[in-house]
Protein backbone atom coordinates (compact mmCIF):
# COMPACT_ATOMS: atom_id res chain seq x y z
CA MET A 1 149.03 59.91 -70.34
CA TYR A 2 150.97 57.43 -67.97
CA LEU A 3 148.18 54.84 -67.85
CA ASP A 4 146.74 53.39 -71.55
CA GLN A 5 144.40 50.83 -72.18
CA LYS A 6 147.06 48.30 -73.25
CA GLU A 7 149.05 48.72 -69.61
CA LYS A 8 145.58 48.34 -67.81
CA GLU A 9 144.96 45.17 -70.08
CA GLU A 10 148.15 43.82 -68.96
CA ILE A 11 147.66 44.88 -65.28
CA PHE A 12 144.77 42.87 -65.32
CA ALA A 13 145.37 40.04 -67.33
CA LYS A 14 148.76 39.38 -64.90
CA HIS A 15 146.70 39.38 -61.46
CA GLY A 16 143.12 39.00 -62.81
CA LYS A 17 141.73 36.06 -64.67
CA ASN A 18 142.18 37.96 -67.64
CA SER A 19 142.19 41.19 -69.32
CA LYS A 20 138.54 41.72 -69.47
CA ASP A 21 137.92 41.02 -65.75
CA THR A 22 138.48 44.12 -64.02
CA GLY A 23 136.15 43.21 -61.25
CA THR A 24 138.68 40.66 -58.81
CA ALA A 25 139.87 42.42 -56.62
CA GLU A 26 143.29 41.60 -56.95
CA GLY A 27 143.11 43.13 -60.65
CA GLN A 28 141.76 46.16 -58.65
CA ILE A 29 144.83 45.96 -56.19
CA ALA A 30 146.96 45.65 -58.60
CA LEU A 31 145.69 49.11 -60.41
CA PHE A 32 145.87 51.35 -57.60
CA THR A 33 149.29 49.80 -56.57
CA TYR A 34 150.99 51.09 -60.21
CA ARG A 35 149.04 54.41 -59.46
CA ILE A 36 150.22 55.01 -56.29
CA ASN A 37 153.85 54.23 -57.55
CA HIS A 38 153.56 56.61 -60.06
CA LEU A 39 151.72 59.53 -58.06
CA THR A 40 154.56 58.91 -55.75
CA GLU A 41 157.72 60.01 -57.73
CA HIS A 42 155.37 62.69 -58.76
CA LEU A 43 155.51 64.14 -55.38
CA LYS A 44 158.71 63.46 -55.21
CA LYS A 45 159.02 66.29 -58.12
CA ASN A 46 156.71 68.32 -56.58
CA ARG A 47 156.72 68.38 -53.52
CA LYS A 48 154.05 71.28 -53.24
CA ASP A 49 151.17 69.21 -55.12
CA TYR A 50 148.85 69.55 -52.63
CA ASN A 51 146.19 67.95 -54.56
CA THR A 52 147.97 64.90 -56.36
CA GLU A 53 149.05 64.42 -52.37
CA ARG A 54 145.04 64.12 -51.49
CA SER A 55 144.68 62.19 -54.50
CA LEU A 56 147.26 59.63 -53.36
CA VAL A 57 145.96 59.49 -49.64
CA LYS A 58 142.50 58.45 -51.01
CA LEU A 59 144.13 55.98 -53.56
CA VAL A 60 145.83 54.21 -50.32
CA GLY A 61 142.70 54.11 -48.29
CA LYS A 62 140.80 52.26 -51.37
CA ARG A 63 143.67 49.96 -51.53
CA ARG A 64 143.48 49.71 -47.61
CA SER A 65 139.72 48.68 -47.93
CA LEU A 66 140.28 46.08 -50.67
CA LEU A 67 143.08 44.29 -48.77
CA ASP A 68 140.81 44.11 -45.77
CA TYR A 69 137.86 42.77 -48.05
CA LEU A 70 140.57 40.30 -49.21
CA ILE A 71 141.54 39.02 -45.75
CA LYS A 72 138.10 38.48 -44.50
CA LYS A 73 137.15 36.98 -47.80
CA ASP A 74 140.03 34.80 -48.46
CA ILE A 75 143.24 34.77 -46.77
CA LEU A 76 145.32 33.06 -48.95
CA ARG A 77 144.41 35.24 -52.58
CA TYR A 78 145.56 38.26 -49.60
CA ARG A 79 148.99 36.52 -48.75
CA ALA A 80 149.28 35.73 -52.68
CA ILE A 81 149.00 38.90 -54.01
CA ILE A 82 151.32 40.42 -51.06
CA LYS A 83 153.71 38.65 -52.14
CA GLU A 84 153.11 39.29 -55.83
CA LEU A 85 153.14 43.42 -55.51
CA GLY A 86 155.68 43.48 -52.48
CA LEU A 87 153.78 45.18 -50.40
CA ARG A 88 154.36 45.03 -46.37
CA LYS A 89 152.23 44.10 -43.80
């Protein structure tokens, strides 16, 4: 599997409050970004994998909704996570 428990803990430790805090918007956005990057690489090799393409679109939508929530809640946290993950907008 491409994402094991250790990698998840590292992502949440880096972007959340600690490795066990999986509920923060920043941690979830970072996890979604990791998964989106993985699925994008998969789709470059397997162009006709439409189920994965659908999953990718759903993940992008979830990440977008979390980013929209973060804009409304705290613009400084939004700008920090965008800069840290290298997302544009």
